[in-house]
């Protein structure tokens, strides 16, 4: 178990311990379990993919891809895929607290070789404590998982005893583990150093709340908000209320009137100001939300993307929206436009630590070393982007990391040794409702704890950083 968080209540331990022996079965001692019960494969797949995230640092998005994803996941029915995904996301959001809860009910820590059992217990605990799943199913299927796995069969009685205790004492256990930080130690330390203890706690707690569905519209945000039952946010985005189903079924999707885009992700493209007739390059363009914003604002856009698959997806998205851009496939470091540009949008690849509401696996697949490496790459990209604009032109640098090393620190270093580059400060008065996101230096810094919600609309937005840099002086 993760020993990062030690604020847990000591409950009386179950009498079934790791020495419990499997029930007698066939000639080999294996229990005769018969056909697999409904729901077992979904839970077994969830435990397998949880292991891949935690132990092998594999991103969840790729494994859950319905076409190219994990074979076990693809083999599930649509309903079981949805269940497996919900179990994985919920487990990763609450993992330190789940570990603290289960550890409090076991006399001695599980042996190092029992990682597979650890993942079975975490998936089951997430169902019992945080999902609307029948508790008896969570317990019975976890016990069956243990019995069917030769590595875990001797722990089956332990699994049964621990999970039944979780069911009986659910409310007490949730309360007892509430003081445990829901994020890993390395991330909590980075948050505290950057934002202070109180804000770090708020950000960590915010990642437990499922994200909203935000839309960016081509025009008439108020009108589309009324049609779709949403509200207009300070970013100009539309936030939907409680929503279930496919957004593709909503009015305006087929006509290309809007696209799904987190409210924070909609900010960078708006920082250019008036774009009518200006030549703008979007250097890391896929999947195309920001490219679409730039085009809709009147810019002549060149969209640059290295990945051919992502470039194809960008092309499809723009086609649905009825928007056109010059598409360039290849390394952005090799991109040289014909004539200097009016502006460049560089939404750089990053650690994605601002998106943990949507991608909680980030906290378990990334670490401090990744942040450092990505910051180096981002700085190279930014310095290159600054060579592509004409005097007076601007570069909007942004990413969805919440770590200053990938934002404020990086930009300060570039400004310090490039005297012909200056910051164009963002004015807080231009962003009513999000004034707190504009720093004293005039950069944008959102966190998941900002923009609280209400009973109708969820709150929060992704953590984003954006800075507006100007190259030289505008031509006379």
Protein backbone atom coordinates (compact mmCIF):
# COMPACT_ATOMS: atom_id res chain seq x y z
CA UNK A 1 0.00 0.00 0.00
CA UNK A 2 1.02 3.58 -0.58
CA UNK A 3 2.59 4.84 2.68
CA UNK A 4 2.48 8.46 1.52
CA UNK A 5 -0.57 9.26 3.66
CA UNK A 6 -0.58 8.10 7.24
CA UNK A 7 -3.57 9.98 8.61
CA UNK A 8 -5.94 7.04 8.95
CA UNK A 9 -8.07 5.56 11.66
CA UNK A 10 -7.15 2.15 13.03
CA UNK A 11 -10.21 -0.05 12.74
CA UNK A 12 -10.36 -3.49 14.29
CA UNK A 13 -8.79 -5.86 11.79
CA UNK A 14 -10.55 -8.79 10.15
CA UNK A 15 -9.76 -12.22 11.45
CA UNK A 16 -9.16 -13.46 7.89
CA UNK A 17 -5.54 -12.68 7.11
CA UNK A 18 -3.12 -13.40 4.34
CA UNK A 19 -2.57 -16.91 5.76
CA UNK A 20 -6.09 -17.95 4.80
CA UNK A 21 -6.05 -21.07 2.63
CA UNK A 22 -8.12 -21.54 -0.52
CA UNK A 23 -11.24 -23.61 -0.39
CA UNK A 24 -10.81 -27.16 -1.57
CA UNK A 25 -11.74 -27.72 -5.20
CA UNK A 26 -10.52 -30.02 -7.94
CA UNK A 27 -7.46 -32.29 -7.85
CA UNK A 28 -5.11 -29.31 -7.88
CA UNK A 29 -6.92 -27.60 -5.01
CA UNK A 30 -8.36 -24.99 -7.34
CA UNK A 31 -11.92 -23.95 -6.38
CA UNK A 32 -14.57 -25.08 -8.86
CA UNK A 33 -16.01 -21.65 -9.67
CA UNK A 34 -17.99 -22.57 -12.77
CA UNK A 35 -18.79 -20.04 -15.52
CA UNK A 36 -17.66 -16.47 -15.04
CA UNK A 37 -20.30 -14.23 -13.51
CA UNK A 38 -21.65 -11.18 -15.37
CA UNK A 39 -19.50 -8.14 -14.67
CA UNK A 40 -16.41 -10.15 -13.80
CA UNK A 41 -14.57 -9.35 -17.05
CA UNK A 42 -15.20 -5.62 -16.64
CA UNK A 43 -13.70 -5.71 -13.15
CA UNK A 44 -10.79 -7.93 -14.15
CA UNK A 45 -10.01 -5.59 -17.04
CA UNK A 46 -10.21 -2.55 -14.78
CA UNK A 47 -7.75 -4.14 -12.34
CA UNK A 48 -5.40 -5.05 -15.20
CA UNK A 49 -5.43 -1.52 -16.63
CA UNK A 50 -5.01 0.00 -13.18
CA UNK A 51 -1.84 -2.06 -12.86
CA UNK A 52 -0.63 -0.74 -16.22
CA UNK A 53 -1.15 2.86 -15.07
CA UNK A 54 0.33 2.51 -11.58
CA UNK A 55 3.10 -0.01 -12.15
CA UNK A 56 4.06 0.63 -15.78
CA UNK A 57 3.18 4.33 -16.16
CA UNK A 58 1.02 3.73 -19.23
CA UNK A 59 -1.47 6.45 -20.16
CA UNK A 60 -5.11 5.50 -19.74
CA UNK A 61 -6.34 7.29 -22.88
CA UNK A 62 -4.47 4.97 -25.23
CA UNK A 63 -5.62 1.84 -23.44
CA UNK A 64 -9.27 2.96 -23.54
CA UNK A 65 -9.24 3.77 -27.25
CA UNK A 66 -12.12 1.76 -28.78
CA UNK A 67 -10.11 1.01 -31.94
CA UNK A 68 -6.45 0.79 -30.93
CA UNK A 69 -6.80 0.24 -27.19
CA UNK A 70 -6.14 -2.65 -24.82
CA UNK A 71 -7.48 -5.96 -26.25
CA UNK A 72 -9.25 -6.89 -23.01
CA UNK A 73 -11.01 -3.54 -22.95
CA UNK A 74 -12.00 -3.72 -26.62
CA UNK A 75 -13.46 -7.20 -26.06
CA UNK A 76 -15.98 -5.87 -23.52
CA UNK A 77 -19.56 -4.92 -24.35
CA UNK A 78 -20.38 -1.21 -24.53
CA UNK A 79 -21.98 -1.36 -21.09
CA UNK A 80 -18.99 -3.14 -19.56
CA UNK A 81 -16.60 -0.68 -21.19
CA UNK A 82 -18.47 2.18 -19.56
CA UNK A 83 -18.36 0.38 -16.22
CA UNK A 84 -14.64 -0.41 -16.50
CA UNK A 85 -13.87 3.20 -17.41
CA UNK A 86 -15.92 4.53 -14.49
CA UNK A 87 -14.17 2.18 -12.07
CA UNK A 88 -10.73 3.17 -13.35
CA UNK A 89 -11.33 6.92 -13.29
CA UNK A 90 -12.90 6.77 -9.82
CA UNK A 91 -10.13 4.58 -8.42
CA UNK A 92 -7.40 6.87 -9.73
CA UNK A 93 -9.15 9.98 -8.38
CA UNK A 94 -9.41 8.56 -4.88
CA UNK A 95 -6.45 6.16 -4.84
CA UNK A 96 -4.52 7.42 -1.75
CA UNK A 97 -7.72 7.42 0.30
CA UNK A 98 -8.72 3.98 -0.96
CA UNK A 99 -5.29 2.67 -0.01
CA UNK A 100 -5.57 4.23 3.44
CA UNK A 101 -9.04 2.73 3.93
CA UNK A 102 -8.00 -0.80 2.98
CA UNK A 103 -4.70 -0.59 4.89
CA UNK A 104 -6.61 0.35 8.03
CA UNK A 105 -8.44 -2.97 7.86
CA UNK A 106 -5.45 -5.28 7.41
CA UNK A 107 -3.18 -6.41 10.26
CA UNK A 108 -0.02 -6.54 8.16
CA UNK A 109 0.78 -4.93 4.80
CA UNK A 110 0.31 -7.03 1.71
CA UNK A 111 3.56 -8.61 0.50
CA UNK A 112 5.42 -6.94 -2.37
CA UNK A 113 4.42 -9.77 -4.67
CA UNK A 114 0.71 -9.09 -4.15
CA UNK A 115 0.40 -6.09 -6.49
CA UNK A 116 -2.32 -7.84 -8.50
CA UNK A 117 -4.34 -8.28 -5.31
CA UNK A 118 -3.77 -4.61 -4.44
CA UNK A 119 -5.39 -3.56 -7.72
CA UNK A 120 -8.35 -5.91 -7.23
CA UNK A 121 -8.95 -4.42 -3.79
CA UNK A 122 -8.68 -0.84 -5.06
CA UNK A 123 -11.18 -1.38 -7.86
CA UNK A 124 -13.60 -3.05 -5.43
CA UNK A 125 -13.15 -0.35 -2.78
CA UNK A 126 -13.86 2.38 -5.34
CA UNK A 127 -17.15 0.68 -6.20
CA UNK A 128 -18.18 0.33 -2.57
CA UNK A 129 -17.20 3.80 -1.40
CA UNK A 130 -17.78 6.00 -4.44
CA UNK A 131 -19.84 4.36 -7.19
CA UNK A 132 -23.49 3.51 -7.51
CA UNK A 133 -22.79 -0.21 -7.83
CA UNK A 134 -24.45 -2.92 -5.68
CA UNK A 135 -21.99 -3.56 -2.86
CA UNK A 136 -22.64 -7.30 -2.81
CA UNK A 137 -21.60 -7.49 -6.47
CA UNK A 138 -18.40 -5.57 -5.78
CA UNK A 139 -17.52 -7.95 -2.95
CA UNK A 140 -18.54 -11.21 -4.62
CA UNK A 141 -16.79 -10.44 -7.90
CA UNK A 142 -13.59 -9.32 -6.17
CA UNK A 143 -13.55 -12.60 -4.22
CA UNK A 144 -14.08 -14.51 -7.45
CA UNK A 145 -11.24 -12.58 -9.08
CA UNK A 146 -8.96 -13.60 -6.24
CA UNK A 147 -10.04 -17.24 -6.44
CA UNK A 148 -9.47 -17.41 -10.19
CA UNK A 149 -5.93 -16.00 -9.94
CA UNK A 150 -3.34 -18.52 -8.64
CA UNK A 151 -1.33 -15.60 -7.23
CA UNK A 152 -4.24 -14.35 -5.16
CA UNK A 153 -6.25 -17.46 -4.31
CA UNK A 154 -4.83 -17.74 -0.79
CA UNK A 155 -6.04 -14.19 -0.09
CA UNK A 156 -9.69 -14.79 -1.10
CA UNK A 157 -10.96 -14.89 2.51
CA UNK A 158 -9.02 -11.72 3.29
CA UNK A 159 -10.61 -9.96 0.31
CA UNK A 160 -14.07 -11.05 1.47
CA UNK A 161 -13.52 -9.90 5.06
CA UNK A 162 -11.98 -6.52 4.20
CA UNK A 163 -14.56 -5.57 1.60
CA UNK A 164 -17.50 -6.59 3.80
CA UNK A 165 -16.10 -4.30 6.48
CA UNK A 166 -15.95 -1.49 3.94
CA UNK A 167 -19.61 -2.08 3.14
CA UNK A 168 -20.71 -2.14 6.80
CA UNK A 169 -18.66 0.88 7.89
CA UNK A 170 -18.69 2.89 4.67
CA UNK A 171 -19.62 6.29 6.14
CA UNK A 172 -17.22 5.97 9.07
CA UNK A 173 -14.34 4.93 6.83
CA UNK A 174 -14.96 7.76 4.36
CA UNK A 175 -14.92 10.24 7.22
CA UNK A 176 -11.78 8.73 8.73
CA UNK A 177 -9.82 8.97 5.47
CA UNK A 178 -11.03 12.46 4.49
CA UNK A 179 -7.85 14.04 5.88
CA UNK A 180 -5.71 11.96 3.51
CA UNK A 181 -4.65 13.98 0.47
CA UNK A 182 -6.22 12.52 -2.68
CA UNK A 183 -3.08 13.18 -4.74
CA UNK A 184 0.37 11.56 -4.63
CA UNK A 185 3.11 13.05 -2.48
CA UNK A 186 5.24 14.44 -5.32
CA UNK A 187 2.30 16.39 -6.74
CA UNK A 188 1.11 17.69 -3.39
CA UNK A 189 4.60 18.99 -2.66
CA UNK A 190 4.75 20.79 -6.03
CA UNK A 191 1.33 22.35 -5.44
CA UNK A 192 2.24 23.51 -1.93
CA UNK A 193 5.51 25.06 -3.08
CA UNK A 194 3.78 26.94 -5.91
CA UNK A 195 0.45 27.95 -4.36
CA UNK A 196 0.69 27.51 -0.60
CA UNK A 197 -0.86 24.83 1.59
CA UNK A 198 -4.46 26.10 1.53
CA UNK A 199 -4.66 26.56 -2.24
CA UNK A 200 -2.85 23.25 -2.78
CA UNK A 201 -5.54 21.47 -0.76
CA UNK A 202 -8.31 23.18 -2.75
CA UNK A 203 -6.72 22.17 -6.05
CA UNK A 204 -6.22 18.58 -4.87
CA UNK A 205 -9.83 18.32 -3.72
CA UNK A 206 -11.10 19.88 -6.96
CA UNK A 207 -9.69 17.01 -9.00
CA UNK A 208 -12.16 14.68 -7.26
CA UNK A 209 -15.09 16.41 -8.98
CA UNK A 210 -16.00 15.09 -12.44
CA UNK A 211 -15.44 17.76 -15.10
CA UNK A 212 -18.16 19.72 -16.81
CA UNK A 213 -18.97 19.69 -20.50
CA UNK A 214 -18.02 23.05 -22.00
CA UNK A 215 -18.68 24.14 -25.57
CA UNK A 216 -17.09 26.80 -27.75
CA UNK A 217 -19.49 28.33 -30.30
CA UNK A 218 -18.75 30.11 -33.54
CA UNK A 219 -21.10 32.94 -32.58
CA UNK A 220 -24.14 33.86 -30.45
CA UNK A 221 -23.11 32.23 -27.19
CA UNK A 222 -26.20 33.54 -25.39
CA UNK A 223 -28.52 32.11 -28.03
CA UNK A 224 -26.88 28.70 -28.02
CA UNK A 225 -26.80 28.62 -24.22
CA UNK A 226 -30.56 29.09 -24.23
CA UNK A 227 -31.09 26.39 -26.86
CA UNK A 228 -28.88 23.86 -25.09
CA UNK A 229 -29.87 24.63 -21.52
CA UNK A 230 -26.43 25.91 -20.61
CA UNK A 231 -24.92 29.10 -19.27
CA UNK A 232 -22.27 31.44 -20.66
CA UNK A 233 -19.00 31.46 -18.72
CA UNK A 234 -16.49 34.31 -18.30
CA UNK A 235 -14.44 32.72 -21.08
CA UNK A 236 -17.36 32.95 -23.52
CA UNK A 237 -17.79 29.18 -23.39
CA UNK A 238 -21.13 27.49 -22.74
CA UNK A 239 -21.32 25.13 -19.78
CA UNK A 240 -23.95 22.43 -19.83
CA UNK A 241 -25.76 21.38 -16.68
CA UNK A 242 -26.25 17.78 -15.61
CA UNK A 243 -25.90 15.94 -18.90
CA UNK A 244 -25.99 12.30 -19.90
CA UNK A 245 -25.70 10.93 -23.37
CA UNK A 246 -23.69 11.77 -26.47
CA UNK A 247 -23.05 15.43 -27.23
CA UNK A 248 -23.26 14.49 -30.91
CA UNK A 249 -27.02 14.25 -30.44
CA UNK A 250 -27.37 17.88 -29.34
CA UNK A 251 -28.69 20.60 -31.63
CA UNK A 252 -25.95 22.30 -33.60
CA UNK A 253 -23.43 19.46 -33.57
CA UNK A 254 -24.05 18.15 -37.08
CA UNK A 255 -24.27 21.71 -38.40
CA UNK A 256 -20.85 22.46 -36.90
CA UNK A 257 -22.04 25.38 -34.79
CA UNK A 258 -19.94 24.43 -31.76
CA UNK A 259 -17.32 22.03 -30.44
CA UNK A 260 -16.43 20.56 -27.05
CA UNK A 261 -13.58 22.45 -25.38
CA UNK A 262 -12.84 23.05 -21.72
CA UNK A 263 -13.38 26.66 -20.72
CA UNK A 264 -9.72 27.12 -19.79
CA UNK A 265 -8.57 25.74 -23.15
CA UNK A 266 -10.63 28.45 -24.85
CA UNK A 267 -8.62 31.26 -23.23
CA UNK A 268 -5.30 31.29 -25.18
CA UNK A 269 -6.82 31.95 -28.61
CA UNK A 270 -8.76 34.89 -27.18
CA UNK A 271 -5.58 36.60 -25.97
CA UNK A 272 -4.63 37.75 -29.48
CA UNK A 273 -7.33 40.41 -29.58
CA UNK A 274 -8.62 41.38 -33.03
CA UNK A 275 -7.60 38.70 -35.53
CA UNK A 276 -9.47 39.74 -38.64
CA UNK A 277 -7.25 39.22 -41.68
CA UNK A 278 -4.14 38.35 -39.67
CA UNK A 279 -1.79 35.47 -40.51
CA UNK A 280 -1.53 33.14 -37.53
CA UNK A 281 0.18 29.78 -37.09
CA UNK A 282 -1.05 27.23 -34.59
CA UNK A 283 2.06 25.15 -33.97
CA UNK A 284 0.68 22.17 -32.01
CA UNK A 285 -2.72 22.26 -33.61
CA UNK A 286 -4.49 18.92 -33.11
CA UNK A 287 -7.20 18.14 -32.23
CA UNK A 288 -8.15 21.60 -33.50
CA UNK A 289 -10.25 23.42 -30.93
CA UNK A 290 -7.93 26.41 -30.79
CA UNK A 291 -7.38 26.33 -34.55
CA UNK A 292 -11.14 26.56 -35.00
CA UNK A 293 -11.31 29.52 -32.63
CA UNK A 294 -8.65 31.38 -34.58
CA UNK A 295 -10.40 30.76 -37.89
CA UNK A 296 -13.80 31.73 -36.49
CA UNK A 297 -12.25 34.99 -35.26
CA UNK A 298 -11.23 35.88 -38.80
CA UNK A 299 -7.58 34.81 -38.91
CA UNK A 300 -5.84 33.16 -41.86
CA UNK A 301 -4.54 30.09 -40.06
CA UNK A 302 -1.75 27.63 -40.73
CA UNK A 303 -2.15 24.57 -38.53
CA UNK A 304 1.08 22.66 -37.89
CA UNK A 305 0.99 19.14 -36.45
CA UNK A 306 3.73 16.50 -36.34
CA UNK A 307 1.55 13.42 -35.90
CA UNK A 308 -0.10 12.27 -39.12
CA UNK A 309 -2.92 10.57 -37.19
CA UNK A 310 -3.63 13.69 -35.18
CA UNK A 311 -3.44 15.82 -38.32
CA UNK A 312 -6.08 13.60 -39.91
CA UNK A 313 -8.27 14.05 -36.85
CA UNK A 314 -7.77 17.82 -37.06
CA UNK A 315 -8.83 17.77 -40.71
CA UNK A 316 -11.99 15.82 -39.85
CA UNK A 317 -12.89 18.19 -37.03
CA UNK A 318 -12.47 21.27 -39.20
CA UNK A 319 -14.56 19.65 -41.95
CA UNK A 320 -17.44 19.08 -39.52
CA UNK A 321 -17.23 22.71 -38.44
CA UNK A 322 -17.09 23.98 -42.02
CA UNK A 323 -13.78 25.77 -41.37
CA UNK A 324 -10.63 25.86 -43.48
CA UNK A 325 -6.96 26.21 -42.64
CA UNK A 326 -3.67 25.50 -44.30
CA UNK A 327 -2.56 22.17 -42.83
CA UNK A 328 1.15 21.42 -42.45
CA UNK A 329 2.38 18.03 -41.28
CA UNK A 330 5.84 17.82 -39.80
CA UNK A 331 8.26 18.93 -37.12
CA UNK A 332 7.45 22.46 -35.95
CA UNK A 333 11.18 23.17 -35.59
CA UNK A 334 11.45 22.82 -39.36
CA UNK A 335 8.43 25.01 -40.08
CA UNK A 336 9.30 28.29 -41.79
CA UNK A 337 6.44 30.36 -43.21
CA UNK A 338 6.69 32.39 -46.39
CA UNK A 339 7.11 35.76 -44.76
CA UNK A 340 6.95 36.52 -41.05
CA UNK A 341 3.60 36.06 -39.35
CA UNK A 342 1.36 38.38 -37.36
CA UNK A 343 1.15 35.86 -34.56
CA UNK A 344 1.78 32.32 -33.36
CA UNK A 345 -0.17 30.19 -30.93
CA UNK A 346 2.03 27.66 -29.18
CA UNK A 347 -0.04 25.39 -26.96
CA UNK A 348 2.92 23.24 -26.05
CA UNK A 349 2.98 19.57 -25.03
CA UNK A 350 3.28 19.39 -21.25
CA UNK A 351 2.79 17.25 -18.16
CA UNK A 352 -1.00 17.88 -18.34
CA UNK A 353 -1.19 18.24 -14.55
CA UNK A 354 -3.96 20.81 -14.97
CA UNK A 355 -6.29 18.21 -16.49
CA UNK A 356 -6.48 15.70 -13.65
CA UNK A 357 -10.27 16.07 -13.36
CA UNK A 358 -10.44 14.43 -16.78
CA UNK A 359 -7.20 12.47 -16.71
CA UNK A 360 -6.41 11.40 -13.13
CA UNK A 361 -3.90 8.87 -14.46
CA UNK A 362 -1.55 11.80 -15.17
CA UNK A 363 -0.66 11.97 -11.48
CA UNK A 364 0.46 8.33 -11.54
CA UNK A 365 2.18 8.22 -14.93
CA UNK A 366 4.10 11.52 -14.65
CA UNK A 367 6.59 12.85 -12.10
CA UNK A 368 9.00 15.66 -11.32
CA UNK A 369 11.55 14.42 -13.87
CA UNK A 370 8.93 14.53 -16.63
CA UNK A 371 8.10 18.13 -15.79
CA UNK A 372 11.76 19.10 -16.09
CA UNK A 373 12.20 17.35 -19.44
CA UNK A 374 9.02 18.83 -20.87
CA UNK A 375 9.96 22.32 -19.72
CA UNK A 376 13.19 22.06 -21.70
CA UNK A 377 11.26 21.05 -24.83
CA UNK A 378 8.70 23.80 -24.34
CA UNK A 379 11.39 26.44 -24.04
CA UNK A 380 12.98 25.30 -27.31
CA UNK A 381 9.57 25.50 -28.95
CA UNK A 382 8.89 28.97 -27.59
CA UNK A 383 12.23 30.33 -28.72
CA UNK A 384 11.58 28.95 -32.19
CA UNK A 385 8.05 30.38 -32.28
CA UNK A 386 9.41 33.83 -31.48
CA UNK A 387 11.51 33.74 -34.67
CA UNK A 388 8.43 33.29 -36.85
CA UNK A 389 6.65 36.60 -36.18
CA UNK A 390 7.31 40.04 -37.59
CA UNK A 391 8.17 43.10 -35.46
CA UNK A 392 5.17 43.91 -33.31
CA UNK A 393 3.83 40.40 -33.77
CA UNK A 394 2.86 38.30 -30.78
CA UNK A 395 3.27 34.74 -29.58
CA UNK A 396 0.72 33.29 -27.16
CA UNK A 397 2.43 30.55 -25.22
CA UNK A 398 0.19 28.20 -23.27
CA UNK A 399 -0.12 24.72 -21.81
CA UNK A 400 -2.32 22.71 -19.47
CA UNK A 401 0.33 22.22 -16.78
CA UNK A 402 -0.24 23.66 -13.35
CA UNK A 403 3.47 23.62 -12.52
CA UNK A 404 5.28 27.02 -12.73
CA UNK A 405 8.38 25.29 -14.10
CA UNK A 406 6.43 24.78 -17.32
CA UNK A 407 4.98 28.29 -17.22
CA UNK A 408 6.05 31.35 -15.24
CA UNK A 409 9.62 30.16 -14.63
CA UNK A 410 10.15 29.24 -18.27
CA UNK A 411 8.77 32.53 -19.63
CA UNK A 412 10.81 34.58 -17.15
CA UNK A 413 13.97 32.87 -18.37
CA UNK A 414 13.16 33.59 -22.02
CA UNK A 415 12.36 37.23 -21.30
CA UNK A 416 15.58 37.63 -19.31
CA UNK A 417 17.88 36.77 -22.20
CA UNK A 418 15.85 37.92 -25.22
CA UNK A 419 15.82 41.72 -24.92
CA UNK A 420 13.76 42.19 -28.09
CA UNK A 421 10.89 40.20 -26.55
CA UNK A 422 8.51 41.72 -24.02
CA UNK A 423 5.43 40.62 -22.16
CA UNK A 424 2.12 42.07 -23.25
CA UNK A 425 0.20 41.95 -19.95
CA UNK A 426 -3.34 40.64 -19.82
CA UNK A 427 -5.71 43.03 -18.06
CA UNK A 428 -7.82 41.47 -15.30
CA UNK A 429 -10.59 43.97 -16.05
CA UNK A 430 -11.06 42.32 -19.45
CA UNK A 431 -11.97 39.04 -17.75
CA UNK A 432 -14.83 39.69 -15.30
CA UNK A 433 -15.45 36.59 -13.25
CA UNK A 434 -11.92 35.34 -13.75
CA UNK A 435 -9.92 38.25 -12.35
CA UNK A 436 -8.18 35.93 -9.90
CA UNK A 437 -6.68 34.03 -12.83
CA UNK A 438 -4.67 37.04 -14.03
CA UNK A 439 -1.32 37.31 -12.26
CA UNK A 440 0.42 40.49 -11.14
CA UNK A 441 2.72 40.13 -14.18
CA UNK A 442 -0.24 39.91 -16.53
CA UNK A 443 -0.14 36.20 -17.32
CA UNK A 444 -3.12 33.84 -17.14
CA UNK A 445 -3.08 31.04 -14.58
CA UNK A 446 -6.24 29.02 -13.99
CA UNK A 447 -6.59 26.15 -11.53
CA UNK A 448 -9.28 23.47 -11.14
CA UNK A 449 -10.38 25.17 -7.90
CA UNK A 450 -11.48 28.37 -9.68
CA UNK A 451 -14.95 29.29 -10.94
CA UNK A 452 -17.11 27.47 -8.37
CA UNK A 453 -20.35 25.84 -9.46
CA UNK A 454 -23.85 25.66 -8.05
CA UNK A 455 -26.73 23.20 -7.84
CA UNK A 456 -27.39 23.47 -11.57
CA UNK A 457 -23.96 23.80 -13.13
CA UNK A 458 -20.70 22.14 -12.04
CA UNK A 459 -17.75 24.34 -11.22
CA UNK A 460 -14.06 24.26 -11.99
CA UNK A 461 -12.01 24.34 -15.15
CA UNK A 462 -8.72 22.88 -16.26
CA UNK A 463 -5.47 24.28 -14.94
CA UNK A 464 -3.94 26.39 -17.71
CA UNK A 465 -1.07 28.83 -18.14
CA UNK A 466 -0.87 31.45 -20.89
CA UNK A 467 1.43 34.37 -21.56
CA UNK A 468 1.37 36.92 -24.38
CA UNK A 469 4.82 37.87 -25.71
CA UNK A 470 5.57 40.58 -28.26
CA UNK A 471 8.58 40.56 -30.55
CA UNK A 472 10.17 43.98 -31.01
CA UNK A 473 8.06 47.05 -31.73
CA UNK A 474 5.21 47.36 -34.14
CA UNK A 475 6.09 48.82 -37.54
CA UNK A 476 5.41 52.55 -37.83
